[in-house]
């Protein structure tokens, strides 16, 4: 039997603190050579891109993939998990919400590792569905007292502020300019589909931490060269993934501002193999692009809870 788990079931199972713990274990295992990740591959069609992430987590006895098809009017995403030893399919998980949670949790993990411990004010660029869980990830690791939200659509920003104020019990309010968002903020979340940088890096001040998580294509950018130039530590989820699809970092590489082999990833920071923030006055930057190990570790947890609590539906596949 294969357990099929729907979106509403995943929402019941996952919590942000728990997902952050899963991401920490995923990146530790990967950094120690105990998990394998294959960067995203895309099939582009006039109807939209189809993408696939693949990976293996021997510690969990799972191997699998995430497939996503994004069309102009709709999208679908599914994670499939296989028993690595026996080879049989064990789970099919609808993963739009799971993707939002694991991405927000990775931002939370990076924030815990790279931001100042006294950080309490957040600036949000991007107020969509992923922006919400990115903010939730930050609030799970730092005592946040104020959030400023900036976006191109005032109505959408207002709805985001109202929803997140109630959801996180934090003051979330709109601002009218990037300067107003960034001035005095300690953490800056960027989760957009921008074609050009959303703020001028000259606005940054000592001690700030930037989470840039919206760009995984070479034809889009949300961070400018000045932000990268001023960042004492630039950390990625995966160097290999960044080289393939970071529209933010590729221009910096071409300009000679960074070298791929010099970039630490989250696993390096977790294992103290590389330095992250070493001074309260440093500006730090985390660039997130997405990895299959995040889906495998989150998906295996979802499956274990679903089996234990009889959540989901068994399908007569592979008996």
C-alpha atoms as a PDB file:
ATOM      1  CA  UNK A   1       0.000   0.000   0.000  1.00  0.00           C
ATOM      2  CA  UNK A   2       1.008   3.578  -0.666  1.00  0.00           C
ATOM      3  CA  UNK A   3      -0.146   6.311   1.706  1.00  0.00           C
ATOM      4  CA  UNK A   4      -1.608   9.302  -0.165  1.00  0.00           C
ATOM      5  CA  UNK A   5      -1.594  12.475   1.941  1.00  0.00           C
ATOM      6  CA  UNK A   6      -3.504  15.577   0.879  1.00  0.00           C
ATOM      7  CA  UNK A   7      -2.739  19.254   1.457  1.00  0.00           C
ATOM      8  CA  UNK A   8      -5.205  19.657   4.311  1.00  0.00           C
ATOM      9  CA  UNK A   9      -3.597  16.708   6.115  1.00  0.00           C
ATOM     10  CA  UNK A  10      -0.105  18.181   5.735  1.00  0.00           C
ATOM     11  CA  UNK A  11      -1.389  21.426   7.269  1.00  0.00           C
ATOM     12  CA  UNK A  12      -2.614  19.461  10.300  1.00  0.00           C
ATOM     13  CA  UNK A  13       0.725  17.755  10.788  1.00  0.00           C
ATOM     14  CA  UNK A  14       3.470  20.355  10.314  1.00  0.00           C
ATOM     15  CA  UNK A  15       4.488  23.021  12.824  1.00  0.00           C
ATOM     16  CA  UNK A  16       7.152  25.621  12.179  1.00  0.00           C
ATOM     17  CA  UNK A  17       9.408  24.754  15.157  1.00  0.00           C
ATOM     18  CA  UNK A  18       9.222  21.080  14.225  1.00  0.00           C
ATOM     19  CA  UNK A  19      10.007  21.792  10.584  1.00  0.00           C
ATOM     20  CA  UNK A  20      13.016  23.913  11.547  1.00  0.00           C
ATOM     21  CA  UNK A  21      14.339  20.948  13.540  1.00  0.00           C
ATOM     22  CA  UNK A  22      13.856  18.731  10.470  1.00  0.00           C
ATOM     23  CA  UNK A  23      15.787  21.211   8.298  1.00  0.00           C
ATOM     24  CA  UNK A  24      18.644  21.285  10.775  1.00  0.00           C
ATOM     25  CA  UNK A  25      18.926  17.498  10.642  1.00  0.00           C
ATOM     26  CA  UNK A  26      18.668  17.499   6.847  1.00  0.00           C
ATOM     27  CA  UNK A  27      21.503  19.991   6.414  1.00  0.00           C
ATOM     28  CA  UNK A  28      23.652  18.271   9.027  1.00  0.00           C
ATOM     29  CA  UNK A  29      23.251  14.894   7.335  1.00  0.00           C
ATOM     30  CA  UNK A  30      23.916  16.381   3.904  1.00  0.00           C
ATOM     31  CA  UNK A  31      27.050  18.208   5.108  1.00  0.00           C
ATOM     32  CA  UNK A  32      28.360  14.987   6.634  1.00  0.00           C
ATOM     33  CA  UNK A  33      27.813  13.042   3.424  1.00  0.00           C
ATOM     34  CA  UNK A  34      24.842  11.110   4.778  1.00  0.00           C
ATOM     35  CA  UNK A  35      22.294  12.484   2.284  1.00  0.00           C
ATOM     36  CA  UNK A  36      22.360  13.144  -1.461  1.00  0.00           C
ATOM     37  CA  UNK A  37      20.760  16.025  -3.334  1.00  0.00           C
ATOM     38  CA  UNK A  38      20.332  16.456  -7.094  1.00  0.00           C
ATOM     39  CA  UNK A  39      19.723  20.085  -8.151  1.00  0.00           C
ATOM     40  CA  UNK A  40      16.491  21.085  -9.846  1.00  0.00           C
ATOM     41  CA  UNK A  41      15.979  20.182 -13.498  1.00  0.00           C
ATOM     42  CA  UNK A  42      13.410  21.999 -15.609  1.00  0.00           C
ATOM     43  CA  UNK A  43      11.425  21.079 -18.697  1.00  0.00           C
ATOM     44  CA  UNK A  44      10.132  24.303 -20.240  1.00  0.00           C
ATOM     45  CA  UNK A  45       6.945  24.287 -22.284  1.00  0.00           C
ATOM     46  CA  UNK A  46       4.604  27.002 -23.631  1.00  0.00           C
ATOM     47  CA  UNK A  47       2.109  25.947 -20.966  1.00  0.00           C
ATOM     48  CA  UNK A  48       4.639  26.417 -18.166  1.00  0.00           C
ATOM     49  CA  UNK A  49       7.732  24.794 -16.598  1.00  0.00           C
ATOM     50  CA  UNK A  50       7.824  21.283 -15.180  1.00  0.00           C
ATOM     51  CA  UNK A  51      10.582  20.865 -12.595  1.00  0.00           C
ATOM     52  CA  UNK A  52      11.979  17.985 -10.592  1.00  0.00           C
ATOM     53  CA  UNK A  53      14.194  17.694  -7.512  1.00  0.00           C
ATOM     54  CA  UNK A  54      15.718  14.329  -6.534  1.00  0.00           C
ATOM     55  CA  UNK A  55      17.508  13.098  -3.468  1.00  0.00           C
ATOM     56  CA  UNK A  56      18.251  10.285  -1.048  1.00  0.00           C
ATOM     57  CA  UNK A  57      18.374  10.136   2.743  1.00  0.00           C
ATOM     58  CA  UNK A  58      19.818   6.767   3.837  1.00  0.00           C
ATOM     59  CA  UNK A  59      19.466   7.749   7.508  1.00  0.00           C
ATOM     60  CA  UNK A  60      15.701   7.851   6.927  1.00  0.00           C
ATOM     61  CA  UNK A  61      15.716   4.902   4.504  1.00  0.00           C
ATOM     62  CA  UNK A  62      14.033   7.042   1.840  1.00  0.00           C
ATOM     63  CA  UNK A  63      14.822   8.046  -1.703  1.00  0.00           C
ATOM     64  CA  UNK A  64      12.516  10.115  -3.860  1.00  0.00           C
ATOM     65  CA  UNK A  65      11.662  13.211  -5.795  1.00  0.00           C
ATOM     66  CA  UNK A  66       9.499  16.314  -5.904  1.00  0.00           C
ATOM     67  CA  UNK A  67       7.752  17.193  -9.162  1.00  0.00           C
ATOM     68  CA  UNK A  68       6.125  20.570  -9.783  1.00  0.00           C
ATOM     69  CA  UNK A  69       4.166  21.828 -12.780  1.00  0.00           C
ATOM     70  CA  UNK A  70       3.451  25.567 -12.823  1.00  0.00           C
ATOM     71  CA  UNK A  71       0.903  26.887 -15.306  1.00  0.00           C
ATOM     72  CA  UNK A  72      -0.403  30.448 -15.643  1.00  0.00           C
ATOM     73  CA  UNK A  73      -3.693  29.589 -13.938  1.00  0.00           C
ATOM     74  CA  UNK A  74      -2.760  26.728 -11.620  1.00  0.00           C
ATOM     75  CA  UNK A  75       0.062  24.606 -10.274  1.00  0.00           C
ATOM     76  CA  UNK A  76       0.497  21.140  -8.876  1.00  0.00           C
ATOM     77  CA  UNK A  77       3.253  19.674  -6.706  1.00  0.00           C
ATOM     78  CA  UNK A  78       3.788  16.153  -5.436  1.00  0.00           C
ATOM     79  CA  UNK A  79       6.503  14.426  -3.404  1.00  0.00           C
ATOM     80  CA  UNK A  80       6.982  10.690  -3.880  1.00  0.00           C
ATOM     81  CA  UNK A  81       8.928   8.694  -1.299  1.00  0.00           C
ATOM     82  CA  UNK A  82      10.371   5.203  -1.790  1.00  0.00           C
ATOM     83  CA  UNK A  83      11.723   2.740   0.757  1.00  0.00           C
ATOM     84  CA  UNK A  84      15.406   2.910  -0.151  1.00  0.00           C
ATOM     85  CA  UNK A  85      16.188  -0.654   0.911  1.00  0.00           C
ATOM     86  CA  UNK A  86      13.133  -2.470  -0.420  1.00  0.00           C
ATOM     87  CA  UNK A  87      12.601  -0.185  -3.417  1.00  0.00           C
ATOM     88  CA  UNK A  88       8.831   0.160  -3.130  1.00  0.00           C
ATOM     89  CA  UNK A  89       6.825   3.394  -3.284  1.00  0.00           C
ATOM     90  CA  UNK A  90       5.601   4.252   0.222  1.00  0.00           C
ATOM     91  CA  UNK A  91       4.071   7.736  -0.007  1.00  0.00           C
ATOM     92  CA  UNK A  92       2.614  10.330  -2.358  1.00  0.00           C
ATOM     93  CA  UNK A  93       2.274  13.710  -0.660  1.00  0.00           C
ATOM     94  CA  UNK A  94       0.644  16.857  -2.010  1.00  0.00           C
ATOM     95  CA  UNK A  95       3.284  19.410  -1.177  1.00  0.00           C
ATOM     96  CA  UNK A  96       2.333  23.013  -1.837  1.00  0.00           C
ATOM     97  CA  UNK A  97       1.986  23.702   1.899  1.00  0.00           C
ATOM     98  CA  UNK A  98       4.918  21.456   2.708  1.00  0.00           C
ATOM     99  CA  UNK A  99       7.036  23.460   0.268  1.00  0.00           C
ATOM    100  CA  UNK A 100       6.047  26.720   1.924  1.00  0.00           C
ATOM    101  CA  UNK A 101       6.824  25.334   5.370  1.00  0.00           C
ATOM    102  CA  UNK A 102      10.193  23.803   4.544  1.00  0.00           C
ATOM    103  CA  UNK A 103      11.270  26.994   2.760  1.00  0.00           C
ATOM    104  CA  UNK A 104      10.183  29.152   5.703  1.00  0.00           C
ATOM    105  CA  UNK A 105      11.861  26.748   8.114  1.00  0.00           C
ATOM    106  CA  UNK A 106      15.139  26.948   6.185  1.00  0.00           C
ATOM    107  CA  UNK A 107      14.920  30.736   6.444  1.00  0.00           C
ATOM    108  CA  UNK A 108      14.306  30.330  10.171  1.00  0.00           C
ATOM    109  CA  UNK A 109      17.348  28.080  10.532  1.00  0.00           C
ATOM    110  CA  UNK A 110      19.540  30.538   8.617  1.00  0.00           C
ATOM    111  CA  UNK A 111      18.205  33.418  10.727  1.00  0.00           C
ATOM    112  CA  UNK A 112      19.065  31.574  13.927  1.00  0.00           C
ATOM    113  CA  UNK A 113      22.602  30.983  12.670  1.00  0.00           C
ATOM    114  CA  UNK A 114      23.322  34.353  11.052  1.00  0.00           C
ATOM    115  CA  UNK A 115      21.248  37.136  12.594  1.00  0.00           C
ATOM    116  CA  UNK A 116      22.011  38.979  15.801  1.00  0.00           C
ATOM    117  CA  UNK A 117      20.493  37.255  18.819  1.00  0.00           C
ATOM    118  CA  UNK A 118      18.804  40.505  19.853  1.00  0.00           C
ATOM    119  CA  UNK A 119      17.118  41.013  16.458  1.00  0.00           C
ATOM    120  CA  UNK A 120      13.511  42.127  16.939  1.00  0.00           C
ATOM    121  CA  UNK A 121      12.420  44.126  13.864  1.00  0.00           C
ATOM    122  CA  UNK A 122      11.751  42.551  10.463  1.00  0.00           C
ATOM    123  CA  UNK A 123      11.319  44.129   7.040  1.00  0.00           C
ATOM    124  CA  UNK A 124       9.333  42.021   4.562  1.00  0.00           C
ATOM    125  CA  UNK A 125       9.622  42.438   0.800  1.00  0.00           C
ATOM    126  CA  UNK A 126       7.013  40.153  -0.738  1.00  0.00           C
ATOM    127  CA  UNK A 127       3.659  39.442   0.893  1.00  0.00           C
ATOM    128  CA  UNK A 128       2.569  36.289  -0.912  1.00  0.00           C
ATOM    129  CA  UNK A 129       2.023  32.775   0.370  1.00  0.00           C
ATOM    130  CA  UNK A 130       5.751  32.022   0.744  1.00  0.00           C
ATOM    131  CA  UNK A 131       6.372  35.401   2.354  1.00  0.00           C
ATOM    132  CA  UNK A 132       4.019  34.391   5.157  1.00  0.00           C
ATOM    133  CA  UNK A 133       5.873  31.206   6.104  1.00  0.00           C
ATOM    134  CA  UNK A 134       9.225  32.932   5.677  1.00  0.00           C
ATOM    135  CA  UNK A 135       8.136  35.445   8.327  1.00  0.00           C
ATOM    136  CA  UNK A 136       6.797  32.641  10.507  1.00  0.00           C
ATOM    137  CA  UNK A 137      10.194  30.924  10.321  1.00  0.00           C
ATOM    138  CA  UNK A 138      11.950  34.087  11.523  1.00  0.00           C
ATOM    139  CA  UNK A 139       9.461  34.591  14.357  1.00  0.00           C
ATOM    140  CA  UNK A 140      10.071  31.010  15.509  1.00  0.00           C
ATOM    141  CA  UNK A 141      13.758  31.706  16.236  1.00  0.00           C
ATOM    142  CA  UNK A 142      13.851  35.377  17.285  1.00  0.00           C
ATOM    143  CA  UNK A 143      11.670  37.446  19.616  1.00  0.00           C
ATOM    144  CA  UNK A 144      10.135  39.744  17.022  1.00  0.00           C
ATOM    145  CA  UNK A 145       8.209  42.820  18.182  1.00  0.00           C
ATOM    146  CA  UNK A 146       7.640  44.648  14.872  1.00  0.00           C
ATOM    147  CA  UNK A 147       7.293  43.755  11.189  1.00  0.00           C
ATOM    148  CA  UNK A 148       7.232  46.256   8.292  1.00  0.00           C
ATOM    149  CA  UNK A 149       5.764  44.987   5.020  1.00  0.00           C
ATOM    150  CA  UNK A 150       6.421  46.551   1.633  1.00  0.00           C
ATOM    151  CA  UNK A 151       4.909  45.555  -1.714  1.00  0.00           C
ATOM    152  CA  UNK A 152       3.608  46.937  -4.993  1.00  0.00           C
ATOM    153  CA  UNK A 153      -0.055  46.139  -4.253  1.00  0.00           C
ATOM    154  CA  UNK A 154      -1.309  48.107  -1.194  1.00  0.00           C
ATOM    155  CA  UNK A 155      -4.449  45.981  -0.852  1.00  0.00           C
ATOM    156  CA  UNK A 156      -2.454  42.770  -0.839  1.00  0.00           C
ATOM    157  CA  UNK A 157       0.020  44.201   1.655  1.00  0.00           C
ATOM    158  CA  UNK A 158      -2.821  45.253   3.970  1.00  0.00           C
ATOM    159  CA  UNK A 159      -4.322  41.748   3.895  1.00  0.00           C
ATOM    160  CA  UNK A 160      -0.910  40.244   4.635  1.00  0.00           C
ATOM    161  CA  UNK A 161      -0.432  42.554   7.616  1.00  0.00           C
ATOM    162  CA  UNK A 162      -3.844  41.745   9.063  1.00  0.00           C
ATOM    163  CA  UNK A 163      -3.417  37.999   8.600  1.00  0.00           C
ATOM    164  CA  UNK A 164       0.110  37.807   9.993  1.00  0.00           C
ATOM    165  CA  UNK A 165      -0.624  40.112  12.950  1.00  0.00           C
ATOM    166  CA  UNK A 166      -3.313  37.684  14.120  1.00  0.00           C
ATOM    167  CA  UNK A 167      -1.371  34.563  13.179  1.00  0.00           C
ATOM    168  CA  UNK A 168       1.872  35.519  14.944  1.00  0.00           C
ATOM    169  CA  UNK A 169       0.577  37.931  17.611  1.00  0.00           C
ATOM    170  CA  UNK A 170       3.114  40.501  16.405  1.00  0.00           C
ATOM    171  CA  UNK A 171       2.660  44.070  15.167  1.00  0.00           C
ATOM    172  CA  UNK A 172       2.765  43.807  11.351  1.00  0.00           C
ATOM    173  CA  UNK A 173       2.117  47.037   9.445  1.00  0.00           C
ATOM    174  CA  UNK A 174       2.552  48.376   5.894  1.00  0.00           C
ATOM    175  CA  UNK A 175       5.193  50.880   4.830  1.00  0.00           C
ATOM    176  CA  UNK A 176       5.360  52.964   1.675  1.00  0.00           C
ATOM    177  CA  UNK A 177       9.020  52.681   0.663  1.00  0.00           C
ATOM    178  CA  UNK A 178      12.027  50.354   0.840  1.00  0.00           C
ATOM    179  CA  UNK A 179      13.811  52.935   2.981  1.00  0.00           C
ATOM    180  CA  UNK A 180      11.012  52.948   5.550  1.00  0.00           C
ATOM    181  CA  UNK A 181      11.064  49.145   5.630  1.00  0.00           C
ATOM    182  CA  UNK A 182      14.821  48.760   6.049  1.00  0.00           C
ATOM    183  CA  UNK A 183      15.674  51.710   8.321  1.00  0.00           C
ATOM    184  CA  UNK A 184      16.073  50.318  11.843  1.00  0.00           C
ATOM    185  CA  UNK A 185      15.207  46.742  10.844  1.00  0.00           C
ATOM    186  CA  UNK A 186      17.410  43.892  12.040  1.00  0.00           C
ATOM    187  CA  UNK A 187      16.253  41.157   9.635  1.00  0.00           C
ATOM    188  CA  UNK A 188      15.191  41.698   6.030  1.00  0.00           C
ATOM    189  CA  UNK A 189      13.119  39.002   4.340  1.00  0.00           C
ATOM    190  CA  UNK A 190      12.918  39.049   0.554  1.00  0.00           C
ATOM    191  CA  UNK A 191      10.512  36.629  -1.125  1.00  0.00           C
ATOM    192  CA  UNK A 192       9.502  37.958  -4.530  1.00  0.00           C
ATOM    193  CA  UNK A 193       9.402  37.127  -8.214  1.00  0.00           C
ATOM    194  CA  UNK A 194      11.170  40.359  -9.097  1.00  0.00           C
ATOM    195  CA  UNK A 195      13.012  40.877 -12.344  1.00  0.00           C
ATOM    196  CA  UNK A 196      15.208  43.582 -10.812  1.00  0.00           C
ATOM    197  CA  UNK A 197      16.518  44.212  -7.246  1.00  0.00           C
ATOM    198  CA  UNK A 198      13.812  45.345  -4.834  1.00  0.00           C
ATOM    199  CA  UNK A 199      15.988  47.688  -2.756  1.00  0.00           C
ATOM    200  CA  UNK A 200      19.286  49.554  -2.954  1.00  0.00           C
ATOM    201  CA  UNK A 201      22.027  47.853  -0.951  1.00  0.00           C
ATOM    202  CA  UNK A 202      23.233  51.284   0.154  1.00  0.00           C
ATOM    203  CA  UNK A 203      20.225  51.362   2.503  1.00  0.00           C
ATOM    204  CA  UNK A 204      21.661  48.545   4.601  1.00  0.00           C
ATOM    205  CA  UNK A 205      23.253  49.363   7.954  1.00  0.00           C
ATOM    206  CA  UNK A 206      25.701  47.425  10.161  1.00  0.00           C
ATOM    207  CA  UNK A 207      24.286  44.405  11.982  1.00  0.00           C
ATOM    208  CA  UNK A 208      21.486  43.582   9.555  1.00  0.00           C
ATOM    209  CA  UNK A 209      20.757  40.125   8.171  1.00  0.00           C
ATOM    210  CA  UNK A 210      19.104  39.528   4.795  1.00  0.00           C
ATOM    211  CA  UNK A 211      17.166  36.385   3.818  1.00  0.00           C
ATOM    212  CA  UNK A 212      16.733  36.225   0.034  1.00  0.00           C
ATOM    213  CA  UNK A 213      14.572  33.246  -0.879  1.00  0.00           C
ATOM    214  CA  UNK A 214      12.480  34.170  -3.892  1.00  0.00           C
ATOM    215  CA  UNK A 215      14.845  33.660  -6.822  1.00  0.00           C
ATOM    216  CA  UNK A 216      15.727  30.290  -8.337  1.00  0.00           C
ATOM    217  CA  UNK A 217      16.084  31.352 -11.970  1.00  0.00           C
ATOM    218  CA  UNK A 218      18.916  33.129 -13.739  1.00  0.00           C
ATOM    219  CA  UNK A 219      16.592  35.649 -15.427  1.00  0.00           C
ATOM    220  CA  UNK A 220      15.297  37.147 -12.139  1.00  0.00           C
ATOM    221  CA  UNK A 221      16.942  39.184  -9.362  1.00  0.00           C
ATOM    222  CA  UNK A 222      15.824  40.584  -6.020  1.00  0.00           C
ATOM    223  CA  UNK A 223      19.225  41.480  -4.501  1.00  0.00           C
ATOM    224  CA  UNK A 224      21.682  43.964  -6.037  1.00  0.00           C
ATOM    225  CA  UNK A 225      25.477  43.849  -6.268  1.00  0.00           C
ATOM    226  CA  UNK A 226      25.837  46.467  -3.517  1.00  0.00           C
ATOM    227  CA  UNK A 227      24.093  44.162  -1.024  1.00  0.00           C
ATOM    228  CA  UNK A 228      26.502  41.353  -1.894  1.00  0.00           C
ATOM    229  CA  UNK A 229      29.504  43.699  -1.832  1.00  0.00           C
ATOM    230  CA  UNK A 230      28.602  44.906   1.673  1.00  0.00           C
ATOM    231  CA  UNK A 231      27.838  41.452   3.121  1.00  0.00           C
ATOM    232  CA  UNK A 232      30.654  40.077   5.268  1.00  0.00           C
ATOM    233  CA  UNK A 233      29.146  36.597   5.031  1.00  0.00           C
ATOM    234  CA  UNK A 234      27.185  35.285   2.047  1.00  0.00           C
ATOM    235  CA  UNK A 235      25.752  31.839   2.829  1.00  0.00           C
ATOM    236  CA  UNK A 236      23.794  29.549   0.484  1.00  0.00           C
ATOM    237  CA  UNK A 237      21.749  26.425   0.965  1.00  0.00           C
ATOM    238  CA  UNK A 238      23.837  24.679  -1.729  1.00  0.00           C
ATOM    239  CA  UNK A 239      26.763  25.952  -3.774  1.00  0.00           C
ATOM    240  CA  UNK A 240      25.895  23.636  -6.657  1.00  0.00           C
ATOM    241  CA  UNK A 241      22.299  24.835  -6.769  1.00  0.00           C
ATOM    242  CA  UNK A 242      23.398  28.478  -6.532  1.00  0.00           C
ATOM    243  CA  UNK A 243      25.735  28.078  -9.488  1.00  0.00           C
ATOM    244  CA  UNK A 244      22.899  26.636 -11.561  1.00  0.00           C
ATOM    245  CA  UNK A 245      20.101  29.090 -10.855  1.00  0.00           C
ATOM    246  CA  UNK A 246      20.912  32.041  -8.611  1.00  0.00           C
ATOM    247  CA  UNK A 247      19.970  35.161 -10.538  1.00  0.00           C
ATOM    248  CA  UNK A 248      21.197  37.131  -7.503  1.00  0.00           C
ATOM    249  CA  UNK A 249      24.661  35.604  -7.201  1.00  0.00           C
ATOM    250  CA  UNK A 250      25.620  34.899 -10.810  1.00  0.00           C
ATOM    251  CA  UNK A 251      26.127  38.621 -11.595  1.00  0.00           C
ATOM    252  CA  UNK A 252      28.311  38.909  -8.483  1.00  0.00           C
ATOM    253  CA  UNK A 253      30.407  35.981  -9.679  1.00  0.00           C
ATOM    254  CA  UNK A 254      30.768  37.579 -13.116  1.00  0.00           C
ATOM    255  CA  UNK A 255      31.819  40.848 -11.447  1.00  0.00           C
ATOM    256  CA  UNK A 256      34.456  39.056  -9.361  1.00  0.00           C
ATOM    257  CA  UNK A 257      32.756  39.853  -6.049  1.00  0.00           C
ATOM    258  CA  UNK A 258      32.621  36.208  -4.982  1.00  0.00           C
ATOM    259  CA  UNK A 259      33.979  32.788  -5.887  1.00  0.00           C
ATOM    260  CA  UNK A 260      31.732  29.738  -5.693  1.00  0.00           C
ATOM    261  CA  UNK A 261      34.227  27.657  -3.720  1.00  0.00           C
ATOM    262  CA  UNK A 262      34.417  30.390  -1.072  1.00  0.00           C
ATOM    263  CA  UNK A 263      30.692  30.347  -0.301  1.00  0.00           C
ATOM    264  CA  UNK A 264      29.732  28.475   2.863  1.00  0.00           C
ATOM    265  CA  UNK A 265      26.454  26.582   2.929  1.00  0.00           C
ATOM    266  CA  UNK A 266      24.158  25.997   5.889  1.00  0.00           C
ATOM    267  CA  UNK A 267      25.731  22.633   6.598  1.00  0.00           C
ATOM    268  CA  UNK A 268      29.170  24.251   6.855  1.00  0.00           C
ATOM    269  CA  UNK A 269      27.812  26.745   9.396  1.00  0.00           C
ATOM    270  CA  UNK A 270      26.001  24.072  11.398  1.00  0.00           C
ATOM    271  CA  UNK A 271      29.140  21.936  11.670  1.00  0.00           C
ATOM    272  CA  UNK A 272      31.385  24.959  12.435  1.00  0.00           C
ATOM    273  CA  UNK A 273      33.450  24.222   9.346  1.00  0.00           C
ATOM    274  CA  UNK A 274      33.011  27.793   8.102  1.00  0.00           C
ATOM    275  CA  UNK A 275      32.281  31.082   9.835  1.00  0.00           C
ATOM    276  CA  UNK A 276      28.966  32.868   9.560  1.00  0.00           C
ATOM    277  CA  UNK A 277      28.441  36.026  11.597  1.00  0.00           C
ATOM    278  CA  UNK A 278      31.559  36.783  13.623  1.00  0.00           C
ATOM    279  CA  UNK A 279      30.705  40.346  14.725  1.00  0.00           C
ATOM    280  CA  UNK A 280      27.497  42.143  15.771  1.00  0.00           C
ATOM    281  CA  UNK A 281      28.188  44.862  13.186  1.00  0.00           C
ATOM    282  CA  UNK A 282      28.503  42.611  10.158  1.00  0.00           C
ATOM    283  CA  UNK A 283      25.904  42.498   7.392  1.00  0.00           C
ATOM    284  CA  UNK A 284      25.030  38.895   6.520  1.00  0.00           C
ATOM    285  CA  UNK A 285      23.134  37.415   3.568  1.00  0.00           C
ATOM    286  CA  UNK A 286      21.459  34.038   3.126  1.00  0.00           C
ATOM    287  CA  UNK A 287      20.530  32.969  -0.404  1.00  0.00           C
ATOM    288  CA  UNK A 288      17.982  30.140  -0.518  1.00  0.00           C
ATOM    289  CA  UNK A 289      17.062  28.281  -3.720  1.00  0.00           C
ATOM    290  CA  UNK A 290      15.513  24.986  -2.596  1.00  0.00           C
ATOM    291  CA  UNK A 291      16.798  21.414  -2.259  1.00  0.00           C
ATOM    292  CA  UNK A 292      15.231  17.978  -2.375  1.00  0.00           C
ATOM    293  CA  UNK A 293      16.647  16.990   0.994  1.00  0.00           C
ATOM    294  CA  UNK A 294      14.297  19.563   2.499  1.00  0.00           C
ATOM    295  CA  UNK A 295      11.343  17.749   0.924  1.00  0.00           C
ATOM    296  CA  UNK A 296      12.584  14.276   1.873  1.00  0.00           C
ATOM    297  CA  UNK A 297      13.077  15.048   5.558  1.00  0.00           C
ATOM    298  CA  UNK A 298       9.807  16.947   5.827  1.00  0.00           C
ATOM    299  CA  UNK A 299       7.949  14.328   3.798  1.00  0.00           C
ATOM    300  CA  UNK A 300       9.221  11.411   5.880  1.00  0.00           C
ATOM    301  CA  UNK A 301       8.063  13.145   9.051  1.00  0.00           C
ATOM    302  CA  UNK A 302       4.642  13.808   7.516  1.00  0.00           C
ATOM    303  CA  UNK A 303       4.390  10.131   6.525  1.00  0.00           C
ATOM    304  CA  UNK A 304       5.364   8.877   9.980  1.00  0.00           C
ATOM    305  CA  UNK A 305       2.742  11.056  11.680  1.00  0.00           C
ATOM    306  CA  UNK A 306       0.124  10.092   9.080  1.00  0.00           C
ATOM    307  CA  UNK A 307       0.738   6.378   9.629  1.00  0.00           C
ATOM    308  CA  UNK A 308       0.705   6.756  13.408  1.00  0.00           C
ATOM    309  CA  UNK A 309      -2.493   8.827  13.492  1.00  0.00           C
ATOM    310  CA  UNK A 310      -4.265   7.133  10.580  1.00  0.00           C
ATOM    311  CA  UNK A 311      -4.204  10.236   8.379  1.00  0.00           C
ATOM    312  CA  UNK A 312      -4.456   9.949   4.610  1.00  0.00           C
ATOM    313  CA  UNK A 313      -5.601   7.235   2.244  1.00  0.00           C
ATOM    314  CA  UNK A 314      -3.972   3.922   1.318  1.00  0.00           C
ATOM    315  CA  UNK A 315      -3.746   3.267  -2.414  1.00  0.00           C
ATOM    316  CA  UNK A 316      -3.432  -0.299  -3.782  1.00  0.00           C
ATOM    317  CA  UNK A 317      -0.136   0.374  -5.562  1.00  0.00           C
ATOM    318  CA  UNK A 318       2.910  -1.887  -5.479  1.00  0.00           C
ATOM    319  CA  UNK A 319       1.399  -4.608  -3.336  1.00  0.00           C
END
